[in-house]
Amino acid sequence: MRKCDGPCSSFSSCNQSCAWNFRGEIVFTCNQNKWQKTIETCTSLSVEALFQNYGKMANHILGPTAISNWAFIPNKNASSDLLDSVNSFAKKLQIHGKSESVVDELFIQTKGSRISHGTSGNSLSLSVPRYNATEDVLVLIEIPRQALQELSSNTSQAIAVAFPTLGAILKEVHQPNSSLQKPINDLILSLVLPEGLNEIILTFDKINKSQSTSSQCVSWDAEERQWDESPCTVMSDINSTVKCRCRHNKAVMSFSILMSSKPVKDMILNRITFIGLSVSIFSLVLCLVIEAIVWSRVVVTEISYMRHVCIVNIAVSLLTANVWFIIGSNFSANAQEDHKWCVAVTFFCHFFFLSLFFWMLFKALLIVYGILVVFRRMMKSRMMAIGFAIGYGCPLVIAVITVSVTEPGEGYTRRDACWLNWNQTKALFAFAIPALAIVAVNLLVVLGLFILLFGTIMDHKTCLACWDGEGSERRMHKGPWNEVTSSFHQEQPLSWKTSLCMKWI
């Protein structure tokens, strides 16, 4: 018999207990002499029912539209806490049938299976739908036959919880392990296995199936809140799947695979690189030898002297940078172990590649100087000082500031190669921005030279004057061209400047 039945008086209320397998209460309020339910706090005492409700809530906050909002949560451990709470629920589940699905949502799936040392089948598979994709993500959990036989005679259970989107959140709000600077390439899989089962084999479907990447099997360390590579090893890594062998030494553990940002070694590309570097080095050495042979014949003026100084320093900078690049390639395989050497090699590569561009900038400025200043010449020693200050001083300042700012946090170099970091500190900007700016300046100089040359040619075409045989004053036609030919006298320095520019080019 319901307690809140029968007639009632207005504004009165009545409380009623929930059913026997629920806890909480139901509150009724009298409205027009009838009881109406206003509040219900009944909660199932079944762990399975609670977990299903929790799974629906977790599915909502793990959707793609909600993932970007996790970055604004003040508690940066919220995503890890969510993973821990789901795992805590999973440990309390009881699987009654041979295999059953407990939660089947789009962004969280839970499946359990009964196992024992005499189980004929030794695998558990999950097929998780991929958002906005036609193919599902498959994961296979295999228990080695020997490990299965070591279980007790009592029947146990294995529970798997799959999170297709949680990996993006964990990567975003946590500082990654310094040796694992790689994005997640599959779902996160949490496993609850019986005590005494210490080894499992996991087969993951890759999300990114590119052949230019390699994979790494990892486990989530709940205490350190970061990925740990020590419990797992890669058994096979083919185009679409990765097979991992992992140690399961806790009541519940979470696993996934990381995609390496370092391309798989390609011997053909390596050979092409070294052949190209060898040709470049040989050409630069040949250039320096030729400059040494013809030096005394070509440096007859201050301008020609500085032009060949620029050529020599450009060749020396590029030659030295190529040598350091080859040295750095030998350290790239062990960039983490040889970190200090890698920093030194990267610094010299950074410095000499910048020097190459700054000497090109100085050469462009020298051309502009030769155009604008005709009758006054700067002393050779002063021009040399300015050239070396720009060619080597500016790159040195940029390289020193970059390494001083980024290296205290070990962010000057990449984790997988001896070159400027991009993912964490954006140190690569310290090379890219100056280099691109210098290229832009040089293009403007070339554009200015073409405009100047075109204007001078047009002036010559419109001039109708010619020199007389004795080389005295010009003989000019009478008429409207007098003003044009008069201005041509004033443009003679401009013609000389253009000839000088053409000589430089």
Protein backbone atom coordinates (compact mmCIF):
# COMPACT_ATOMS: atom_id res chain seq x y z
CA MET A 1 0.00 0.00 0.00
CA ARG A 2 1.38 3.38 -0.96
CA LYS A 3 1.84 5.72 1.96
CA CYS A 4 1.01 8.87 -0.03
CA ASP A 5 -2.43 7.84 -1.29
CA GLY A 6 -5.91 9.20 -0.92
CA PRO A 7 -7.17 12.75 -0.59
CA CYS A 8 -4.94 15.52 0.63
CA SER A 9 -5.10 19.14 1.68
CA SER A 10 -3.51 21.91 -0.34
CA PHE A 11 0.20 22.69 0.22
CA SER A 12 0.72 19.55 2.31
CA SER A 13 3.61 17.16 1.54
CA CYS A 14 4.32 13.49 1.97
CA ASN A 15 7.52 11.39 1.93
CA GLN A 16 7.68 7.83 0.69
CA SER A 17 10.51 5.30 0.75
CA CYS A 18 11.94 3.83 -2.43
CA ALA A 19 11.60 0.22 -3.52
CA TRP A 20 13.50 -2.45 -1.57
CA ASN A 21 16.47 -2.54 -3.98
CA PHE A 22 16.83 1.27 -4.06
CA ARG A 23 17.77 3.83 -1.47
CA GLY A 24 16.52 7.41 -1.06
CA GLU A 25 13.00 8.74 -0.95
CA ILE A 26 10.18 10.19 -3.02
CA VAL A 27 8.53 13.48 -2.02
CA PHE A 28 4.91 14.22 -2.98
CA THR A 29 3.13 17.58 -2.79
CA CYS A 30 -0.64 18.06 -2.71
CA ASN A 31 -1.98 19.93 -5.72
CA GLN A 32 -5.74 20.30 -6.24
CA ASN A 33 -6.43 17.61 -3.64
CA LYS A 34 -4.15 15.11 -5.43
CA TRP A 35 -0.64 13.92 -4.60
CA GLN A 36 1.95 14.82 -7.23
CA LYS A 37 5.56 13.60 -7.26
CA THR A 38 7.97 16.54 -6.92
CA ILE A 39 11.32 15.06 -5.81
CA GLU A 40 12.78 11.59 -6.33
CA THR A 41 16.22 10.62 -5.00
CA CYS A 42 15.98 6.86 -5.42
CA THR A 43 19.33 5.30 -6.33
CA SER A 44 19.93 1.70 -7.25
CA LEU A 45 22.06 -0.31 -4.87
CA SER A 46 23.33 -2.38 -7.81
CA VAL A 47 26.92 -1.58 -8.78
CA GLU A 48 26.11 -2.45 -12.37
CA ALA A 49 23.23 0.03 -12.47
CA LEU A 50 25.35 2.72 -10.82
CA PHE A 51 28.17 2.08 -13.28
CA GLN A 52 25.81 2.33 -16.24
CA ASN A 53 24.53 5.70 -15.01
CA TYR A 54 28.08 6.86 -14.38
CA GLY A 55 29.03 5.68 -17.85
CA LYS A 56 26.29 7.80 -19.41
CA MET A 57 27.56 10.87 -17.58
CA ALA A 58 31.18 10.12 -18.54
CA ASN A 59 30.13 9.59 -22.15
CA HIS A 60 28.63 13.08 -22.21
CA ILE A 61 31.77 14.85 -20.94
CA LEU A 62 34.08 12.77 -23.17
CA GLY A 63 32.36 13.77 -26.40
CA PRO A 64 34.38 15.67 -29.05
CA THR A 65 32.37 18.85 -28.43
CA ALA A 66 33.31 18.81 -24.73
CA ILE A 67 36.98 17.85 -25.02
CA SER A 68 38.21 21.38 -25.76
CA ASN A 69 36.57 22.61 -22.54
CA TRP A 70 38.80 20.40 -20.39
CA ALA A 71 41.69 22.81 -20.92
CA PHE A 72 39.80 25.49 -18.94
CA ILE A 73 39.14 23.32 -15.87
CA PRO A 74 41.19 24.72 -12.93
CA ASN A 75 41.89 21.21 -11.60
CA LYS A 76 44.39 19.88 -14.12
CA ASN A 77 44.10 16.39 -12.60
CA ALA A 78 40.39 16.13 -13.42
CA SER A 79 40.85 13.83 -16.41
CA SER A 80 43.15 11.52 -14.45
CA ASP A 81 40.63 11.52 -11.58
CA LEU A 82 37.91 10.54 -14.03
CA LEU A 83 40.02 7.61 -15.23
CA ASP A 84 40.70 6.53 -11.62
CA SER A 85 37.03 6.73 -10.63
CA VAL A 86 35.90 4.64 -13.61
CA ASN A 87 38.59 2.09 -12.80
CA SER A 88 37.42 1.99 -9.16
CA PHE A 89 33.88 1.24 -10.33
CA ALA A 90 35.13 -1.43 -12.71
CA LYS A 91 36.91 -3.28 -9.89
CA LYS A 92 33.57 -3.77 -8.09
CA LEU A 93 31.65 -5.14 -11.05
CA GLN A 94 30.51 -8.76 -11.05
CA ILE A 95 30.28 -10.62 -14.34
CA HIS A 96 27.55 -13.28 -14.19
CA GLY A 97 27.59 -14.64 -17.72
CA LYS A 98 30.46 -16.00 -19.78
CA SER A 99 30.81 -12.66 -21.55
CA GLU A 100 28.68 -9.56 -21.23
CA SER A 101 28.72 -5.86 -22.06
CA VAL A 102 28.12 -3.63 -19.04
CA VAL A 103 28.38 -0.17 -20.65
CA ASP A 104 27.98 0.36 -24.38
CA GLU A 105 28.23 4.10 -24.99
CA LEU A 106 29.92 5.88 -27.87
CA PHE A 107 32.87 7.23 -25.84
CA ILE A 108 33.13 4.63 -23.06
CA GLN A 109 32.63 0.88 -23.36
CA THR A 110 32.93 -1.83 -20.72
CA LYS A 111 33.00 -5.56 -21.35
CA GLY A 112 33.62 -8.47 -18.98
CA SER A 113 34.33 -12.16 -19.28
CA ARG A 114 34.59 -15.16 -16.94
CA ILE A 115 37.96 -16.92 -17.10
CA SER A 116 39.72 -19.75 -15.30
CA HIS A 117 42.80 -21.89 -15.72
CA GLY A 118 40.74 -24.30 -17.81
CA THR A 119 39.18 -21.70 -20.11
CA SER A 120 39.30 -22.84 -23.71
CA GLY A 121 39.26 -19.33 -25.14
CA ASN A 122 41.95 -17.00 -23.84
CA SER A 123 41.02 -13.70 -25.45
CA LEU A 124 38.64 -10.78 -24.99
CA SER A 125 37.93 -8.32 -27.78
CA LEU A 126 36.37 -4.86 -27.87
CA SER A 127 35.04 -3.07 -30.94
CA VAL A 128 34.74 0.65 -30.22
CA PRO A 129 33.03 2.98 -32.72
CA ARG A 130 35.24 5.79 -33.97
CA TYR A 131 33.63 9.22 -34.01
CA ASN A 132 32.92 10.50 -37.55
CA ALA A 133 34.43 7.35 -39.09
CA THR A 134 33.04 4.28 -40.81
CA GLU A 135 35.47 1.78 -39.25
CA ASP A 136 35.50 0.75 -35.60
CA VAL A 137 38.62 0.69 -33.45
CA LEU A 138 39.43 -2.88 -32.46
CA VAL A 139 41.42 -3.99 -29.45
CA LEU A 140 42.19 -7.60 -28.56
CA ILE A 141 43.23 -8.75 -25.07
CA GLU A 142 45.00 -12.12 -25.06
CA ILE A 143 46.07 -14.07 -22.01
CA PRO A 144 49.10 -16.30 -22.66
CA ARG A 145 48.31 -20.00 -22.21
CA GLN A 146 51.03 -20.44 -19.59
CA ALA A 147 49.79 -17.48 -17.55
CA LEU A 148 46.23 -18.82 -17.76
CA GLN A 149 47.25 -22.22 -16.42
CA GLU A 150 48.86 -20.59 -13.39
CA LEU A 151 45.51 -19.21 -12.21
CA SER A 152 43.74 -20.80 -9.28
CA SER A 153 41.00 -23.34 -9.89
CA ASN A 154 38.37 -20.79 -8.87
CA THR A 155 36.66 -19.00 -11.72
CA SER A 156 37.71 -15.35 -12.04
CA GLN A 157 36.75 -12.48 -14.27
CA ALA A 158 38.43 -10.02 -16.60
CA ILE A 159 36.95 -6.57 -17.24
CA ALA A 160 38.02 -4.15 -19.96
CA VAL A 161 37.04 -0.46 -20.18
CA ALA A 162 37.80 1.41 -23.43
CA PHE A 163 38.02 5.23 -23.78
CA PRO A 164 38.31 6.35 -27.43
CA THR A 165 38.73 10.09 -26.64
CA LEU A 166 40.22 10.27 -23.14
CA GLY A 167 43.78 10.13 -24.49
CA ALA A 168 43.50 13.59 -26.02
CA ILE A 169 42.53 15.05 -22.64
CA LEU A 170 45.32 13.34 -20.72
CA LYS A 171 47.83 14.59 -23.27
CA GLU A 172 46.53 18.13 -23.08
CA VAL A 173 46.42 18.86 -19.36
CA HIS A 174 49.44 16.87 -18.10
CA GLN A 175 53.16 17.43 -18.58
CA PRO A 176 54.27 14.42 -20.63
CA ASN A 177 57.13 12.17 -19.67
CA SER A 178 60.33 13.74 -21.02
CA SER A 179 61.20 10.56 -22.91
CA LEU A 180 57.70 10.15 -24.37
CA GLN A 181 57.03 13.30 -26.37
CA LYS A 182 54.52 11.56 -28.64
CA PRO A 183 50.76 11.76 -29.27
CA ILE A 184 48.40 8.90 -28.45
CA ASN A 185 47.62 6.75 -31.49
CA ASP A 186 44.71 4.69 -30.14
CA LEU A 187 42.12 4.42 -27.40
CA ILE A 188 42.95 4.05 -23.71
CA LEU A 189 42.22 0.58 -22.35
CA SER A 190 41.77 -0.11 -18.61
CA LEU A 191 41.96 -3.74 -17.48
CA VAL A 192 40.82 -5.47 -14.29
CA LEU A 193 42.41 -8.92 -14.19
CA PRO A 194 42.40 -11.65 -11.54
CA GLU A 195 45.17 -11.78 -8.99
CA GLY A 196 48.08 -13.89 -10.15
CA LEU A 197 47.68 -13.02 -13.82
CA ASN A 198 50.77 -10.91 -14.46
CA GLU A 199 51.17 -10.91 -18.23
CA ILE A 200 48.87 -10.03 -21.10
CA ILE A 201 49.15 -9.43 -24.83
CA LEU A 202 47.29 -6.44 -26.29
CA THR A 203 46.64 -5.83 -29.98
CA PHE A 204 45.64 -2.25 -30.84
CA ASP A 205 44.28 -0.81 -34.06
CA LYS A 206 46.21 2.30 -35.08
CA ILE A 207 44.33 5.53 -35.71
CA ASN A 208 47.20 6.96 -37.76
CA LYS A 209 48.37 4.16 -40.04
CA SER A 210 51.22 6.12 -41.64
CA GLN A 211 54.31 4.06 -42.43
CA SER A 212 56.58 6.97 -41.52
CA THR A 213 55.88 6.61 -37.79
CA SER A 214 56.68 4.04 -35.14
CA SER A 215 54.66 3.09 -32.05
CA GLN A 216 55.42 2.60 -28.38
CA CYS A 217 53.35 0.60 -25.88
CA VAL A 218 52.79 2.40 -22.57
CA SER A 219 50.90 2.18 -19.29
CA TRP A 220 49.34 5.05 -17.35
CA ASP A 221 51.02 5.70 -13.99
CA ALA A 222 48.17 6.91 -11.75
CA GLU A 223 50.51 8.17 -9.03
CA GLU A 224 52.88 10.14 -11.28
CA ARG A 225 50.02 11.00 -13.66
CA GLN A 226 52.05 10.32 -16.78
CA TRP A 227 52.74 7.56 -19.28
CA ASP A 228 55.27 4.89 -18.37
CA GLU A 229 57.01 2.74 -20.98
CA SER A 230 58.62 0.25 -18.57
CA PRO A 231 55.71 -2.24 -18.14
CA CYS A 232 55.26 -2.84 -21.90
CA THR A 233 57.28 -3.89 -24.92
CA VAL A 234 56.36 -3.85 -28.61
CA MET A 235 56.04 -7.33 -30.11
CA SER A 236 55.11 -6.22 -33.62
CA ASP A 237 54.35 -2.93 -35.36
CA ILE A 238 52.83 -3.25 -38.81
CA ASN A 239 50.85 -0.80 -40.94
CA SER A 240 47.51 -1.03 -39.12
CA THR A 241 48.06 -2.81 -35.78
CA VAL A 242 50.48 -2.88 -32.87
CA LYS A 243 50.91 -5.89 -30.59
CA CYS A 244 52.18 -5.24 -27.05
CA ARG A 245 53.29 -7.54 -24.25
CA CYS A 246 52.60 -5.91 -20.88
CA ARG A 247 53.09 -6.78 -17.22
CA HIS A 248 49.94 -6.42 -15.11
CA ASN A 249 51.12 -5.96 -11.52
CA LYS A 250 48.22 -3.92 -10.09
CA ALA A 251 44.52 -4.53 -9.54
CA VAL A 252 43.65 -2.27 -12.46
CA MET A 253 45.93 -0.74 -15.09
CA SER A 254 45.40 1.46 -18.16
CA PHE A 255 47.26 0.94 -21.44
CA SER A 256 47.60 2.61 -24.83
CA ILE A 257 50.08 3.15 -27.66
CA LEU A 258 51.95 6.34 -28.49
CA MET A 259 52.84 7.41 -32.00
CA SER A 260 56.46 8.42 -32.40
CA SER A 261 57.02 11.82 -33.99
CA LYS A 262 60.39 10.55 -35.22
CA PRO A 263 60.15 9.01 -38.70
CA VAL A 264 61.23 5.44 -39.12
CA LYS A 265 64.75 5.24 -40.48
CA ASP A 266 64.85 5.13 -44.25
CA MET A 267 68.20 4.05 -45.67
CA ILE A 268 67.43 5.49 -49.11
CA LEU A 269 66.65 8.93 -47.68
CA ASN A 270 69.75 8.78 -45.50
CA ARG A 271 71.91 8.01 -48.51
CA ILE A 272 70.34 10.82 -50.54
CA THR A 273 70.98 13.21 -47.65
CA PHE A 274 74.63 12.29 -47.27
CA ILE A 275 75.22 12.32 -51.03
CA GLY A 276 73.71 15.80 -51.21
CA LEU A 277 75.82 17.00 -48.28
CA SER A 278 78.95 15.52 -49.85
CA VAL A 279 78.29 17.30 -53.14
CA SER A 280 77.63 20.54 -51.28
CA ILE A 281 80.83 20.26 -49.24
CA PHE A 282 82.89 19.44 -52.33
CA SER A 283 81.41 22.42 -54.22
CA LEU A 284 82.08 24.79 -51.33
CA VAL A 285 85.68 23.63 -50.99
CA LEU A 286 86.12 24.08 -54.75
CA CYS A 287 84.66 27.59 -54.45
CA LEU A 288 87.15 28.51 -51.73
CA VAL A 289 90.06 27.11 -53.76
CA ILE A 290 89.04 29.15 -56.81
CA GLU A 291 88.67 32.28 -54.67
CA ALA A 292 92.17 31.75 -53.29
CA ILE A 293 93.62 31.40 -56.80
CA VAL A 294 91.98 34.46 -58.34
CA TRP A 295 91.92 36.63 -55.20
CA SER A 296 94.69 39.03 -56.19
CA ARG A 297 93.16 39.63 -59.62
CA VAL A 298 89.56 40.30 -58.59
CA VAL A 299 89.92 42.45 -55.46
CA VAL A 300 91.05 45.61 -57.23
CA THR A 301 88.54 47.99 -55.60
CA GLU A 302 86.96 48.33 -52.17
CA ILE A 303 83.58 47.19 -53.49
CA SER A 304 84.97 44.13 -55.26
CA TYR A 305 87.09 43.32 -52.21
CA MET A 306 84.05 43.33 -49.88
CA ARG A 307 81.99 41.40 -52.42
CA HIS A 308 84.49 38.55 -52.45
CA VAL A 309 84.84 38.71 -48.66
CA CYS A 310 81.08 38.08 -48.53
CA ILE A 311 81.36 35.17 -50.96
CA VAL A 312 84.17 33.56 -48.95
CA ASN A 313 82.33 33.92 -45.62
CA ILE A 314 79.07 32.60 -47.09
CA ALA A 315 80.94 29.53 -48.34
CA VAL A 316 82.78 29.06 -45.03
CA SER A 317 79.55 29.38 -43.00
CA LEU A 318 77.64 26.89 -45.12
CA LEU A 319 80.60 24.48 -45.21
CA THR A 320 80.97 24.56 -41.43
CA ALA A 321 77.20 24.20 -40.92
CA ASN A 322 77.17 21.12 -43.16
CA VAL A 323 79.99 19.54 -41.18
CA TRP A 324 78.17 20.16 -37.87
CA PHE A 325 74.98 18.81 -39.43
CA ILE A 326 76.74 15.53 -40.25
CA ILE A 327 78.14 15.38 -36.72
CA GLY A 328 74.67 16.00 -35.31
CA SER A 329 73.14 13.17 -37.31
CA ASN A 330 75.38 10.74 -35.42
CA PHE A 331 74.01 12.00 -32.08
CA SER A 332 70.35 12.09 -33.15
CA ALA A 333 69.82 8.37 -32.52
CA ASN A 334 70.68 8.92 -28.83
CA ALA A 335 69.62 12.53 -28.45
CA GLN A 336 68.41 12.00 -24.88
CA GLU A 337 71.47 10.12 -23.64
CA ASP A 338 73.93 12.54 -25.30
CA HIS A 339 71.89 15.63 -24.48
CA LYS A 340 74.82 17.97 -23.70
CA TRP A 341 76.67 17.02 -26.87
CA CYS A 342 73.43 17.40 -28.82
CA VAL A 343 72.96 20.93 -27.42
CA ALA A 344 76.51 21.88 -28.45
CA VAL A 345 76.07 20.51 -31.97
CA THR A 346 72.69 22.23 -32.36
CA PHE A 347 74.17 25.53 -31.16
CA PHE A 348 76.92 25.49 -33.81
CA CYS A 349 74.48 24.42 -36.55
CA HIS A 350 72.16 27.23 -35.49
CA PHE A 351 75.00 29.77 -35.41
CA PHE A 352 76.60 28.93 -38.78
CA PHE A 353 73.31 28.58 -40.67
CA LEU A 354 72.32 32.02 -39.35
CA SER A 355 75.75 33.37 -40.35
CA LEU A 356 75.10 32.22 -43.91
CA PHE A 357 71.93 34.33 -44.08
CA PHE A 358 73.41 37.36 -42.33
CA TRP A 359 76.37 37.47 -44.74
CA MET A 360 73.81 37.39 -47.55
CA LEU A 361 72.09 40.33 -45.85
CA PHE A 362 75.36 42.25 -45.63
CA LYS A 363 76.01 41.64 -49.32
CA ALA A 364 72.57 43.05 -50.17
CA LEU A 365 73.25 46.10 -47.98
CA LEU A 366 76.59 46.53 -49.75
CA ILE A 367 74.78 46.66 -53.10
CA VAL A 368 72.40 49.30 -51.76
CA TYR A 369 75.38 51.26 -50.43
CA GLY A 370 77.06 51.12 -53.84
CA ILE A 371 73.92 52.54 -55.47
CA LEU A 372 73.16 55.33 -53.03
CA VAL A 373 76.71 56.50 -52.26
CA VAL A 374 78.74 57.30 -55.38
CA PHE A 375 81.39 59.88 -54.61
CA ARG A 376 82.16 58.97 -51.00
CA ARG A 377 83.68 55.65 -50.03
CA MET A 378 83.92 54.06 -46.61
CA MET A 379 87.30 52.85 -45.37
CA LYS A 380 88.01 49.17 -46.01
CA SER A 381 88.68 48.48 -42.32
CA ARG A 382 85.35 50.00 -41.30
CA MET A 383 83.49 47.99 -43.93
CA MET A 384 85.20 44.81 -42.70
CA ALA A 385 84.22 45.59 -39.10
CA ILE A 386 80.59 46.17 -40.08
CA GLY A 387 80.57 43.01 -42.19
CA PHE A 388 81.87 40.75 -39.42
CA ALA A 389 79.58 42.40 -36.86
CA ILE A 390 76.56 41.63 -39.03
CA GLY A 391 77.77 38.29 -40.40
CA TYR A 392 78.91 36.73 -37.12
CA GLY A 393 77.89 39.09 -34.32
CA CYS A 394 74.13 39.04 -34.92
CA PRO A 395 73.92 35.22 -35.28
CA LEU A 396 75.99 34.81 -32.11
CA VAL A 397 73.64 37.05 -30.13
CA ILE A 398 70.54 35.22 -31.41
CA ALA A 399 71.99 31.76 -30.75
CA VAL A 400 73.23 32.63 -27.24
CA ILE A 401 69.91 34.22 -26.22
CA THR A 402 67.97 31.24 -27.58
CA VAL A 403 70.01 28.62 -25.74
CA SER A 404 70.00 30.71 -22.54
CA VAL A 405 66.22 31.03 -22.52
CA THR A 406 65.23 27.50 -23.56
CA GLU A 407 67.95 25.16 -22.29
CA PRO A 408 67.32 25.55 -18.51
CA GLY A 409 64.13 23.57 -19.17
CA GLU A 410 65.88 21.28 -21.69
CA GLY A 411 63.84 22.83 -24.48
CA TYR A 412 66.58 23.98 -26.86
CA THR A 413 66.78 20.75 -28.86
CA ARG A 414 64.27 18.19 -30.03
CA ARG A 415 63.84 14.93 -28.15
CA ASP A 416 64.54 12.80 -31.19
CA ALA A 417 67.14 14.82 -33.12
CA CYS A 418 69.93 17.35 -32.66
CA TRP A 419 68.07 20.37 -33.99
CA LEU A 420 66.03 23.26 -32.65
CA ASN A 421 62.92 22.37 -30.66
CA TRP A 422 59.49 23.16 -32.02
CA ASN A 423 56.80 21.33 -30.03
CA GLN A 424 57.56 22.73 -26.56
CA THR A 425 59.57 25.98 -26.74
CA LYS A 426 59.27 26.96 -30.43
CA ALA A 427 63.05 27.57 -30.46
CA LEU A 428 62.99 26.95 -34.21
CA PHE A 429 61.54 30.46 -34.57
CA ALA A 430 65.00 31.78 -33.60
CA PHE A 431 66.24 30.47 -36.94
CA ALA A 432 63.17 30.67 -39.17
CA ILE A 433 62.20 34.29 -38.46
CA PRO A 434 65.67 35.85 -39.11
CA ALA A 435 66.20 33.67 -42.19
CA LEU A 436 62.82 34.50 -43.73
CA ALA A 437 63.24 38.19 -42.90
CA ILE A 438 66.63 38.28 -44.66
CA VAL A 439 65.20 36.50 -47.70
CA ALA A 440 62.43 39.11 -47.83
CA VAL A 441 64.96 41.98 -47.61
CA ASN A 442 67.07 40.47 -50.39
CA LEU A 443 64.00 40.10 -52.59
CA LEU A 444 63.16 43.76 -52.02
CA VAL A 445 66.72 44.73 -53.00
CA VAL A 446 66.51 42.69 -56.21
CA LEU A 447 63.10 44.20 -56.98
CA GLY A 448 64.50 47.69 -56.44
CA LEU A 449 67.39 46.97 -58.81
CA PHE A 450 65.04 45.82 -61.56
CA ILE A 451 62.87 48.92 -61.13
CA LEU A 452 65.98 51.13 -61.28
CA LEU A 453 67.30 49.32 -64.35
CA PHE A 454 63.95 49.55 -66.13
CA GLY A 455 63.69 53.28 -65.41
CA THR A 456 67.18 53.94 -66.78
CA ILE A 457 66.46 52.01 -69.98
CA MET A 458 63.33 54.05 -70.52
CA ASP A 459 65.33 57.25 -70.00
CA HIS A 460 67.80 56.17 -72.69
CA LYS A 461 65.03 55.40 -75.14
CA THR A 462 63.42 58.81 -74.70
CA CYS A 463 66.69 60.71 -75.05
CA LEU A 464 67.36 61.94 -78.61
CA ALA A 465 70.76 63.42 -77.93
CA CYS A 466 74.02 61.96 -79.13
CA TRP A 467 77.66 62.82 -78.69
CA ASP A 468 79.51 64.78 -81.40
CA GLY A 469 82.67 63.39 -82.91
CA GLU A 470 84.96 65.57 -80.78
CA GLY A 471 83.38 64.47 -77.53
CA SER A 472 82.45 68.01 -76.46
CA GLU A 473 78.91 68.99 -75.52
CA ARG A 474 75.87 67.05 -76.75
CA ARG A 475 74.23 68.00 -80.00
CA MET A 476 70.51 68.12 -79.27
CA HIS A 477 67.53 68.30 -81.55
CA LYS A 478 65.47 71.38 -81.24
CA GLY A 479 61.91 71.16 -80.13
CA PRO A 480 60.08 69.59 -77.19
CA TRP A 481 62.92 67.13 -76.43
CA ASN A 482 65.21 69.85 -75.04
CA GLU A 483 63.79 69.44 -71.56
CA VAL A 484 64.15 65.65 -71.68
CA THR A 485 67.75 65.77 -72.88
CA SER A 486 68.57 68.39 -70.31
CA SER A 487 67.40 66.08 -67.54
CA PHE A 488 69.52 63.29 -69.04
CA HIS A 489 72.65 65.21 -67.99
CA GLN A 490 71.47 64.93 -64.43
CA GLU A 491 70.75 61.20 -64.79
CA GLN A 492 74.32 60.26 -65.73
CA PRO A 493 75.21 59.21 -62.17
CA LEU A 494 72.08 57.04 -62.17
CA SER A 495 73.28 55.24 -65.31
CA TRP A 496 76.65 54.65 -63.70
CA LYS A 497 74.96 53.26 -60.62
CA THR A 498 72.88 50.89 -62.70
CA SER A 499 75.99 49.62 -64.49
CA LEU A 500 77.57 48.99 -61.10
CA CYS A 501 74.48 47.07 -59.98
CA MET A 502 74.54 44.92 -63.13
CA LYS A 503 78.18 44.15 -62.46
CA TRP A 504 77.31 43.02 -58.92
CA ILE A 505 74.50 40.81 -60.15
